[in-house]
Amino acid sequence: MSLIGRRVKILVATDPNQVGLSGELVLERSKTLLLESHGRRLTIQKLGTVIELAGTGRGEVIRGDDILGRVEERIARDAS
C-alpha cells in the first residue's frame, strides 16, 4: 500500500509539536515521511508515530513502526 498522495493526521509522535498536524504525504523514505501542510514541508519520523488516513471513512490508523523500511520492500512483502 502506497501512502503517497494520501491525506493524513498525526495522532502520536515523538515530537509533541507534530501531534495534530495534518496534510498530504508527498514522499516516503525508509525512516521518514514528508508531509506537506499549509504550504510547508515537514519531515516526520516513522518510529514512534501513529497516523490516521483521511478519507477512508473507516478512521484507518497506521503505526509508523509497522511501515519502517523502503516502500518497495514493504509492498513486495505485503503481496506475498
PDB file of N, CA and C in Angstrom:
ATOM      1  N   MET A   1       0.840  -1.176   0.000  1.00  0.00           N
ATOM      2  CA  MET A   1       0.000   0.000   0.000  1.00  0.00           C
ATOM      3  C   MET A   1       0.887   1.243   0.000  1.00  0.00           C
ATOM      4  N   SER A   2       0.686   2.097  -0.949  1.00  0.00           N
ATOM      5  CA  SER A   2       1.431   3.349  -1.015  1.00  0.00           C
ATOM      6  C   SER A   2       0.655   4.435  -0.284  1.00  0.00           C
ATOM      7  N   LEU A   3       1.363   5.205   0.498  1.00  0.00           N
ATOM      8  CA  LEU A   3       0.735   6.290   1.254  1.00  0.00           C
ATOM      9  C   LEU A   3       0.885   7.637   0.563  1.00  0.00           C
ATOM     10  N   ILE A   4       1.724   7.698  -0.458  1.00  0.00           N
ATOM     11  CA  ILE A   4       1.988   8.964  -1.140  1.00  0.00           C
ATOM     12  C   ILE A   4       0.701   9.486  -1.771  1.00  0.00           C
ATOM     13  N   GLY A   5       0.445  10.773  -1.538  1.00  0.00           N
ATOM     14  CA  GLY A   5      -0.758  11.411  -2.058  1.00  0.00           C
ATOM     15  C   GLY A   5      -1.942  11.326  -1.118  1.00  0.00           C
ATOM     16  N   ARG A   6      -1.809  10.561  -0.045  1.00  0.00           N
ATOM     17  CA  ARG A   6      -2.908  10.411   0.919  1.00  0.00           C
ATOM     18  C   ARG A   6      -2.890  11.562   1.918  1.00  0.00           C
ATOM     19  N   ARG A   7      -4.053  11.967   2.371  1.00  0.00           N
ATOM     20  CA  ARG A   7      -4.170  12.962   3.434  1.00  0.00           C
ATOM     21  C   ARG A   7      -4.117  12.220   4.764  1.00  0.00           C
ATOM     22  N   VAL A   8      -3.315  12.741   5.680  1.00  0.00           N
ATOM     23  CA  VAL A   8      -3.131  12.087   6.969  1.00  0.00           C
ATOM     24  C   VAL A   8      -3.176  13.108   8.104  1.00  0.00           C
ATOM     25  N   LYS A   9      -3.360  12.578   9.300  1.00  0.00           N
ATOM     26  CA  LYS A   9      -3.282  13.382  10.516  1.00  0.00           C
ATOM     27  C   LYS A   9      -2.370  12.647  11.487  1.00  0.00           C
ATOM     28  N   ILE A  10      -1.468  13.379  12.130  1.00  0.00           N
ATOM     29  CA  ILE A  10      -0.547  12.794  13.101  1.00  0.00           C
ATOM     30  C   ILE A  10      -1.270  12.689  14.447  1.00  0.00           C
ATOM     31  N   LEU A  11      -1.429  11.465  14.946  1.00  0.00           N
ATOM     32  CA  LEU A  11      -2.105  11.243  16.226  1.00  0.00           C
ATOM     33  C   LEU A  11      -1.122  11.160  17.385  1.00  0.00           C
ATOM     34  N   VAL A  12       0.025  10.518  17.142  1.00  0.00           N
ATOM     35  CA  VAL A  12       1.066  10.336  18.152  1.00  0.00           C
ATOM     36  C   VAL A  12       2.398  10.562  17.464  1.00  0.00           C
ATOM     37  N   ALA A  13       3.318  11.262  18.133  1.00  0.00           N
ATOM     38  CA  ALA A  13       4.648  11.493  17.556  1.00  0.00           C
ATOM     39  C   ALA A  13       5.660  11.658  18.678  1.00  0.00           C
ATOM     40  N   THR A  14       6.913  11.328  18.377  1.00  0.00           N
ATOM     41  CA  THR A  14       7.971  11.528  19.366  1.00  0.00           C
ATOM     42  C   THR A  14       8.205  13.014  19.596  1.00  0.00           C
ATOM     43  N   ASP A  15       7.902  13.843  18.604  1.00  0.00           N
ATOM     44  CA  ASP A  15       7.977  15.302  18.733  1.00  0.00           C
ATOM     45  C   ASP A  15       6.570  15.811  19.039  1.00  0.00           C
ATOM     46  N   PRO A  16       6.315  16.273  20.259  1.00  0.00           N
ATOM     47  CA  PRO A  16       4.963  16.701  20.621  1.00  0.00           C
ATOM     48  C   PRO A  16       4.429  17.847  19.758  1.00  0.00           C
ATOM     49  N   ASN A  17       5.296  18.612  19.128  1.00  0.00           N
ATOM     50  CA  ASN A  17       4.861  19.701  18.247  1.00  0.00           C
ATOM     51  C   ASN A  17       4.210  19.183  16.970  1.00  0.00           C
ATOM     52  N   GLN A  18       4.420  17.916  16.638  1.00  0.00           N
ATOM     53  CA  GLN A  18       3.862  17.349  15.407  1.00  0.00           C
ATOM     54  C   GLN A  18       2.485  16.722  15.611  1.00  0.00           C
ATOM     55  N   VAL A  19       2.111  16.479  16.850  1.00  0.00           N
ATOM     56  CA  VAL A  19       0.805  15.877  17.136  1.00  0.00           C
ATOM     57  C   VAL A  19      -0.298  16.833  16.686  1.00  0.00           C
ATOM     58  N   GLY A  20      -1.241  16.305  15.912  1.00  0.00           N
ATOM     59  CA  GLY A  20      -2.354  17.111  15.417  1.00  0.00           C
ATOM     60  C   GLY A  20      -2.137  17.696  14.037  1.00  0.00           C
ATOM     61  N   LEU A  21      -0.892  17.642  13.532  1.00  0.00           N
ATOM     62  CA  LEU A  21      -0.642  18.147  12.183  1.00  0.00           C
ATOM     63  C   LEU A  21      -1.366  17.280  11.167  1.00  0.00           C
ATOM     64  N   SER A  22      -1.818  17.906  10.095  1.00  0.00           N
ATOM     65  CA  SER A  22      -2.446  17.147   9.019  1.00  0.00           C
ATOM     66  C   SER A  22      -1.992  17.724   7.693  1.00  0.00           C
ATOM     67  N   GLY A  23      -2.059  16.911   6.668  1.00  0.00           N
ATOM     68  CA  GLY A  23      -1.649  17.343   5.343  1.00  0.00           C
ATOM     69  C   GLY A  23      -1.534  16.159   4.410  1.00  0.00           C
ATOM     70  N   GLU A  24      -0.861  16.392   3.296  1.00  0.00           N
ATOM     71  CA  GLU A  24      -0.698  15.360   2.275  1.00  0.00           C
ATOM     72  C   GLU A  24       0.706  14.781   2.349  1.00  0.00           C
ATOM     73  N   LEU A  25       0.798  13.447   2.302  1.00  0.00           N
ATOM     74  CA  LEU A  25       2.106  12.800   2.260  1.00  0.00           C
ATOM     75  C   LEU A  25       2.654  12.919   0.847  1.00  0.00           C
ATOM     76  N   VAL A  26       3.809  13.548   0.713  1.00  0.00           N
ATOM     77  CA  VAL A  26       4.372  13.765  -0.617  1.00  0.00           C
ATOM     78  C   VAL A  26       5.582  12.884  -0.901  1.00  0.00           C
ATOM     79  N   LEU A  27       6.170  12.288   0.146  1.00  0.00           N
ATOM     80  CA  LEU A  27       7.334  11.429  -0.054  1.00  0.00           C
ATOM     81  C   LEU A  27       7.461  10.496   1.138  1.00  0.00           C
ATOM     82  N   GLU A  28       7.836   9.267   0.851  1.00  0.00           N
ATOM     83  CA  GLU A  28       8.078   8.303   1.914  1.00  0.00           C
ATOM     84  C   GLU A  28       9.475   7.739   1.742  1.00  0.00           C
ATOM     85  N   ARG A  29      10.259   7.818   2.800  1.00  0.00           N
ATOM     86  CA  ARG A  29      11.596   7.231   2.819  1.00  0.00           C
ATOM     87  C   ARG A  29      11.580   6.081   3.823  1.00  0.00           C
ATOM     88  N   SER A  30      12.699   5.402   3.963  1.00  0.00           N
ATOM     89  CA  SER A  30      12.711   4.220   4.824  1.00  0.00           C
ATOM     90  C   SER A  30      12.394   4.548   6.283  1.00  0.00           C
ATOM     91  N   LYS A  31      12.826   5.702   6.779  1.00  0.00           N
ATOM     92  CA  LYS A  31      12.613   6.042   8.186  1.00  0.00           C
ATOM     93  C   LYS A  31      11.764   7.285   8.403  1.00  0.00           C
ATOM     94  N   THR A  32      11.421   7.991   7.325  1.00  0.00           N
ATOM     95  CA  THR A  32      10.682   9.243   7.477  1.00  0.00           C
ATOM     96  C   THR A  32       9.564   9.387   6.450  1.00  0.00           C
ATOM     97  N   LEU A  33       8.646  10.288   6.758  1.00  0.00           N
ATOM     98  CA  LEU A  33       7.579  10.692   5.850  1.00  0.00           C
ATOM     99  C   LEU A  33       7.725  12.191   5.632  1.00  0.00           C
ATOM    100  N   LEU A  34       7.449  12.656   4.422  1.00  0.00           N
ATOM    101  CA  LEU A  34       7.466  14.087   4.143  1.00  0.00           C
ATOM    102  C   LEU A  34       6.021  14.530   3.981  1.00  0.00           C
ATOM    103  N   LEU A  35       5.591  15.399   4.887  1.00  0.00           N
ATOM    104  CA  LEU A  35       4.211  15.859   4.945  1.00  0.00           C
ATOM    105  C   LEU A  35       4.143  17.307   4.485  1.00  0.00           C
ATOM    106  N   GLU A  36       3.253  17.598   3.540  1.00  0.00           N
ATOM    107  CA  GLU A  36       3.032  18.981   3.125  1.00  0.00           C
ATOM    108  C   GLU A  36       1.793  19.488   3.847  1.00  0.00           C
ATOM    109  N   SER A  37       1.996  20.545   4.636  1.00  0.00           N
ATOM    110  CA  SER A  37       0.917  21.089   5.457  1.00  0.00           C
ATOM    111  C   SER A  37       0.974  22.607   5.422  1.00  0.00           C
ATOM    112  N   HIS A  38      -0.086  23.230   4.943  1.00  0.00           N
ATOM    113  CA  HIS A  38      -0.175  24.695   4.884  1.00  0.00           C
ATOM    114  C   HIS A  38       1.023  25.310   4.158  1.00  0.00           C
ATOM    115  N   GLY A  39       1.413  24.716   3.044  1.00  0.00           N
ATOM    116  CA  GLY A  39       2.498  25.249   2.232  1.00  0.00           C
ATOM    117  C   GLY A  39       3.894  24.944   2.745  1.00  0.00           C
ATOM    118  N   ARG A  40       3.997  24.211   3.834  1.00  0.00           N
ATOM    119  CA  ARG A  40       5.305  23.842   4.392  1.00  0.00           C
ATOM    120  C   ARG A  40       5.500  22.345   4.253  1.00  0.00           C
ATOM    121  N   ARG A  41       6.739  21.940   4.095  1.00  0.00           N
ATOM    122  CA  ARG A  41       7.071  20.509   4.050  1.00  0.00           C
ATOM    123  C   ARG A  41       7.779  20.143   5.345  1.00  0.00           C
ATOM    124  N   LEU A  42       7.230  19.138   6.009  1.00  0.00           N
ATOM    125  CA  LEU A  42       7.729  18.734   7.313  1.00  0.00           C
ATOM    126  C   LEU A  42       8.178  17.282   7.271  1.00  0.00           C
ATOM    127  N   THR A  43       9.323  16.999   7.855  1.00  0.00           N
ATOM    128  CA  THR A  43       9.822  15.631   7.941  1.00  0.00           C
ATOM    129  C   THR A  43       9.330  15.021   9.243  1.00  0.00           C
ATOM    130  N   ILE A  44       8.661  13.883   9.116  1.00  0.00           N
ATOM    131  CA  ILE A  44       8.086  13.182  10.262  1.00  0.00           C
ATOM    132  C   ILE A  44       8.786  11.830  10.391  1.00  0.00           C
ATOM    133  N   GLN A  45       9.323  11.539  11.568  1.00  0.00           N
ATOM    134  CA  GLN A  45       9.934  10.237  11.822  1.00  0.00           C
ATOM    135  C   GLN A  45       8.844   9.172  11.872  1.00  0.00           C
ATOM    136  N   LYS A  46       9.078   8.025  11.248  1.00  0.00           N
ATOM    137  CA  LYS A  46       8.104   6.933  11.314  1.00  0.00           C
ATOM    138  C   LYS A  46       8.101   6.294  12.700  1.00  0.00           C
ATOM    139  N   LEU A  47       9.293   6.066  13.252  1.00  0.00           N
ATOM    140  CA  LEU A  47       9.430   5.385  14.530  1.00  0.00           C
ATOM    141  C   LEU A  47       8.718   6.169  15.633  1.00  0.00           C
ATOM    142  N   GLY A  48       7.780   5.527  16.294  1.00  0.00           N
ATOM    143  CA  GLY A  48       7.064   6.165  17.394  1.00  0.00           C
ATOM    144  C   GLY A  48       5.895   7.039  16.979  1.00  0.00           C
ATOM    145  N   THR A  49       5.560   7.041  15.689  1.00  0.00           N
ATOM    146  CA  THR A  49       4.482   7.888  15.177  1.00  0.00           C
ATOM    147  C   THR A  49       3.267   7.040  14.821  1.00  0.00           C
ATOM    148  N   VAL A  50       2.094   7.599  15.053  1.00  0.00           N
ATOM    149  CA  VAL A  50       0.835   6.969  14.650  1.00  0.00           C
ATOM    150  C   VAL A  50       0.095   7.980  13.792  1.00  0.00           C
ATOM    151  N   ILE A  51      -0.337   7.540  12.586  1.00  0.00           N
ATOM    152  CA  ILE A  51      -1.057   8.437  11.682  1.00  0.00           C
ATOM    153  C   ILE A  51      -2.439   7.873  11.374  1.00  0.00           C
ATOM    154  N   GLU A  52      -3.341   8.791  11.082  1.00  0.00           N
ATOM    155  CA  GLU A  52      -4.686   8.412  10.658  1.00  0.00           C
ATOM    156  C   GLU A  52      -4.847   8.811   9.205  1.00  0.00           C
ATOM    157  N   LEU A  53      -5.336   7.885   8.384  1.00  0.00           N
ATOM    158  CA  LEU A  53      -5.584   8.174   6.976  1.00  0.00           C
ATOM    159  C   LEU A  53      -6.938   8.844   6.844  1.00  0.00           C
ATOM    160  N   ALA A  54      -6.958  10.000   6.208  1.00  0.00           N
ATOM    161  CA  ALA A  54      -8.211  10.724   5.994  1.00  0.00           C
ATOM    162  C   ALA A  54      -8.894  10.201   4.741  1.00  0.00           C
ATOM    163  N   GLY A  55     -10.199  10.334   4.708  1.00  0.00           N
ATOM    164  CA  GLY A  55     -10.949   9.996   3.512  1.00  0.00           C
ATOM    165  C   GLY A  55     -11.216   8.523   3.303  1.00  0.00           C
ATOM    166  N   THR A  56     -10.854   7.683   4.255  1.00  0.00           N
ATOM    167  CA  THR A  56     -11.145   6.257   4.095  1.00  0.00           C
ATOM    168  C   THR A  56     -12.537   5.927   4.609  1.00  0.00           C
ATOM    169  N   GLY A  57     -13.092   6.815   5.436  1.00  0.00           N
ATOM    170  CA  GLY A  57     -14.397   6.563   6.018  1.00  0.00           C
ATOM    171  C   GLY A  57     -14.367   5.550   7.148  1.00  0.00           C
ATOM    172  N   ARG A  58     -13.182   5.004   7.426  1.00  0.00           N
ATOM    173  CA  ARG A  58     -13.054   3.982   8.472  1.00  0.00           C
ATOM    174  C   ARG A  58     -12.147   4.438   9.599  1.00  0.00           C
ATOM    175  N   GLY A  59     -11.566   5.616   9.485  1.00  0.00           N
ATOM    176  CA  GLY A  59     -10.631   6.057  10.508  1.00  0.00           C
ATOM    177  C   GLY A  59      -9.435   5.133  10.610  1.00  0.00           C
ATOM    178  N   GLU A  60      -8.899   4.739   9.464  1.00  0.00           N
ATOM    179  CA  GLU A  60      -7.783   3.790   9.414  1.00  0.00           C
ATOM    180  C   GLU A  60      -6.538   4.401  10.055  1.00  0.00           C
ATOM    181  N   VAL A  61      -5.951   3.672  10.992  1.00  0.00           N
ATOM    182  CA  VAL A  61      -4.785   4.135  11.742  1.00  0.00           C
ATOM    183  C   VAL A  61      -3.598   3.241  11.408  1.00  0.00           C
ATOM    184  N   ILE A  62      -2.437   3.874  11.208  1.00  0.00           N
ATOM    185  CA  ILE A  62      -1.215   3.140  10.867  1.00  0.00           C
ATOM    186  C   ILE A  62      -0.113   3.545  11.837  1.00  0.00           C
ATOM    187  N   ARG A  63       0.568   2.551  12.375  1.00  0.00           N
ATOM    188  CA  ARG A  63       1.728   2.799  13.239  1.00  0.00           C
ATOM    189  C   ARG A  63       2.963   2.944  12.363  1.00  0.00           C
ATOM    190  N   GLY A  64       3.718   4.000  12.573  1.00  0.00           N
ATOM    191  CA  GLY A  64       4.938   4.220  11.815  1.00  0.00           C
ATOM    192  C   GLY A  64       5.923   3.073  11.965  1.00  0.00           C
ATOM    193  N   ASP A  65       5.947   2.455  13.148  1.00  0.00           N
ATOM    194  CA  ASP A  65       6.842   1.319  13.384  1.00  0.00           C
ATOM    195  C   ASP A  65       6.549   0.176  12.409  1.00  0.00           C
ATOM    196  N   ASP A  66       5.279   0.045  12.003  1.00  0.00           N
ATOM    197  CA  ASP A  66       4.878  -1.041  11.103  1.00  0.00           C
ATOM    198  C   ASP A  66       5.246  -0.780   9.648  1.00  0.00           C
ATOM    199  N   ILE A  67       5.576   0.459   9.310  1.00  0.00           N
ATOM    200  CA  ILE A  67       5.893   0.784   7.914  1.00  0.00           C
ATOM    201  C   ILE A  67       7.344   1.220   7.743  1.00  0.00           C
ATOM    202  N   LEU A  68       8.184   0.916   8.744  1.00  0.00           N
ATOM    203  CA  LEU A  68       9.612   1.210   8.607  1.00  0.00           C
ATOM    204  C   LEU A  68      10.178   0.427   7.433  1.00  0.00           C
ATOM    205  N   GLY A  69      11.123   0.996   6.736  1.00  0.00           N
ATOM    206  CA  GLY A  69      11.742   0.336   5.596  1.00  0.00           C
ATOM    207  C   GLY A  69      11.312   0.968   4.291  1.00  0.00           C
ATOM    208  N   ARG A  70      11.924   0.496   3.232  1.00  0.00           N
ATOM    209  CA  ARG A  70      11.637   1.049   1.906  1.00  0.00           C
ATOM    210  C   ARG A  70      10.249   0.634   1.435  1.00  0.00           C
ATOM    211  N   VAL A  71       9.587   1.546   0.755  1.00  0.00           N
ATOM    212  CA  VAL A  71       8.234   1.310   0.248  1.00  0.00           C
ATOM    213  C   VAL A  71       8.201   0.070  -0.636  1.00  0.00           C
ATOM    214  N   GLU A  72       9.172  -0.054  -1.530  1.00  0.00           N
ATOM    215  CA  GLU A  72       9.203  -1.168  -2.476  1.00  0.00           C
ATOM    216  C   GLU A  72       9.261  -2.505  -1.750  1.00  0.00           C
ATOM    217  N   GLU A  73      10.064  -2.572  -0.689  1.00  0.00           N
ATOM    218  CA  GLU A  73      10.194  -3.811   0.075  1.00  0.00           C
ATOM    219  C   GLU A  73       8.898  -4.132   0.813  1.00  0.00           C
ATOM    220  N   ARG A  74       8.249  -3.101   1.357  1.00  0.00           N
ATOM    221  CA  ARG A  74       7.003  -3.319   2.082  1.00  0.00           C
ATOM    222  C   ARG A  74       5.897  -3.812   1.152  1.00  0.00           C
ATOM    223  N   ILE A  75       5.799  -3.217  -0.030  1.00  0.00           N
ATOM    224  CA  ILE A  75       4.775  -3.624  -0.993  1.00  0.00           C
ATOM    225  C   ILE A  75       5.008  -5.069  -1.425  1.00  0.00           C
ATOM    226  N   ALA A  76       6.260  -5.430  -1.690  1.00  0.00           N
ATOM    227  CA  ALA A  76       6.582  -6.804  -2.089  1.00  0.00           C
ATOM    228  C   ALA A  76       6.267  -7.780  -0.957  1.00  0.00           C
ATOM    229  N   ARG A  77       6.577  -7.393   0.271  1.00  0.00           N
ATOM    230  CA  ARG A  77       6.322  -8.246   1.436  1.00  0.00           C
ATOM    231  C   ARG A  77       4.813  -8.435   1.638  1.00  0.00           C
ATOM    232  N   ASP A  78       4.041  -7.358   1.488  1.00  0.00           N
ATOM    233  CA  ASP A  78       2.584  -7.436   1.660  1.00  0.00           C
ATOM    234  C   ASP A  78       1.929  -8.280   0.575  1.00  0.00           C
ATOM    235  N   ALA A  79       2.519  -8.291  -0.621  1.00  0.00           N
ATOM    236  CA  ALA A  79       1.947  -9.030  -1.751  1.00  0.00           C
ATOM    237  C   ALA A  79       2.160 -10.537  -1.620  1.00  0.00           C
ATOM    238  N   SER A  80       3.177 -10.935  -0.854  1.00  0.00           N
ATOM    239  CA  SER A  80       3.465 -12.379  -0.754  1.00  0.00           C
ATOM    240  C   SER A  80       2.758 -13.030   0.398  1.00  0.00           C
TER     241      SER A  80
END
